[in-house]
Structure formats: C-alpha cells, structure tokens
Amino acid sequence: MADMASFRDAVTAWAAGGPGGPARELAARLPVRAVVLLEGPSDAAAVDALAGTRGRDLAAEGICVLPMGGAMSVGRFTHLLGPPGLDLRLTGLCDEAERRYYARGWERAGAAGQEFFVCAADLEDELIRALGVPRVEELVRAEGDLRALQTFLRQPAQQGRTSQQQLRRFLGTKKGRKIRYGRVLVEALTPDGIPAPLDELLTRL
C-alpha cells in the first residue's frame, strides 16, 4: 500500500535526477496537500515527535515531512514540489545561517507568500535553551550517554565553551545521536516551553 514514506522516497529520487511520474502519481493518490522541507533527519525526528505529543498524525493529514540532506538542496525541492511542479503547499524549518537558501528557493519557485521558520542557531540549540542545561544532562544520563558526555567534555577543544555549546556539539559527535535526541528533547518539553520556530511550524500546518 502506498504511504507517505513512499512519496518521500519518490520525491528524493526525483530530486536526484530520476523520473517524476511516481511522485506525481503518489501525490494524487494519497493525497498530499503540504510538504515540510527540513535540512536533515534530526529535524524530521523533532517535528514528528512534536506532532505525536499533540496527537497529530501528519501523514494521515496529507503532510509530508521531508529531510532534504542539506539546505542547499532546497531550490531543487521547491521547484519540484511548489507552483512550478506539484503545486503543493510548502513550509519548512531551517537554521539562521541557511535562511538565504530557503528564501531564494521559495522566491524562485513562486512560493514567497508561503512561510518557513528559522531557528536562531539550529534546532538543537533551540531545544537545549528551552529545556535548560541541567534538564538536558538528565536526559543524557537517562539515555545511557553520561559516560560518553563526560569523556567528550574532557577534550581540549571543549574547554572555554559554554555548557550549552558543549551539549550542542556533543549531540552531533556520533552518527544517529542527533536524530535520537531530536525526539528525546522534544518529548521532554513542557507545552509552554516549545521553541517558537517549531511551535509555529506545527501550529500553522
């Protein structure tokens, strides 16, 4: 049975130079009404986790959460999915440093009137600030990563950095860790402590 994962895979293959027919067929059959363009899988894990805490099934609502593998790909995806292509509603979440790529992609696709949301540094930084360093350290301990964190903090490169900067860097030091903590940190948030970019993204969908 076709599902949103199939559509996501078809779009990714299309963006890599494959045929667009499968994506077009799935978009109509599911049907798909909106796409959330994200830089990577850790952002997707966070968005899916927040949707889950709010009792929402984005795929069932016709919303595809799509990690692109980097912000510089956004122009290709907006062209395929926005007004020039499938004409789906576009939204997204990006880091401040990547805002220009998103803005250019939205503009060139003729989707400048549709919103995307910007994190001050990146989503991990937003989540750590929202939870506070002590709470994030508690979660690291609960996930069984305290020893790894302690070893990491003894590295010379981490001396002189703030605790928040150290934690943010730690989350990216092992493959798959950012994805796991994207879910863990979001699920630990209080309803009134959700970072504004993430909260606004879900609220507007």
Foldseek 3Di string as FASTA:
>chain_A
DDFLVQLLVLLLVVLVPDDNVVNLVDCVVLPAAEEAEEQALLLVLLLCLLCVVVVHDQRNVRYHYHHNNGLLSLLSSLCCVPPVHVNHQYEYEEEPVSVVSNCVSCVVSVNNVGYYFYDDGGVLLLLCVLQDLVRVQVLCVVVVNNVVLVVQCPDPVNPPPDSSVSVVVSQPPDPPSSNVVSNVSSNPGDPVSHRPNSVVVVVVD
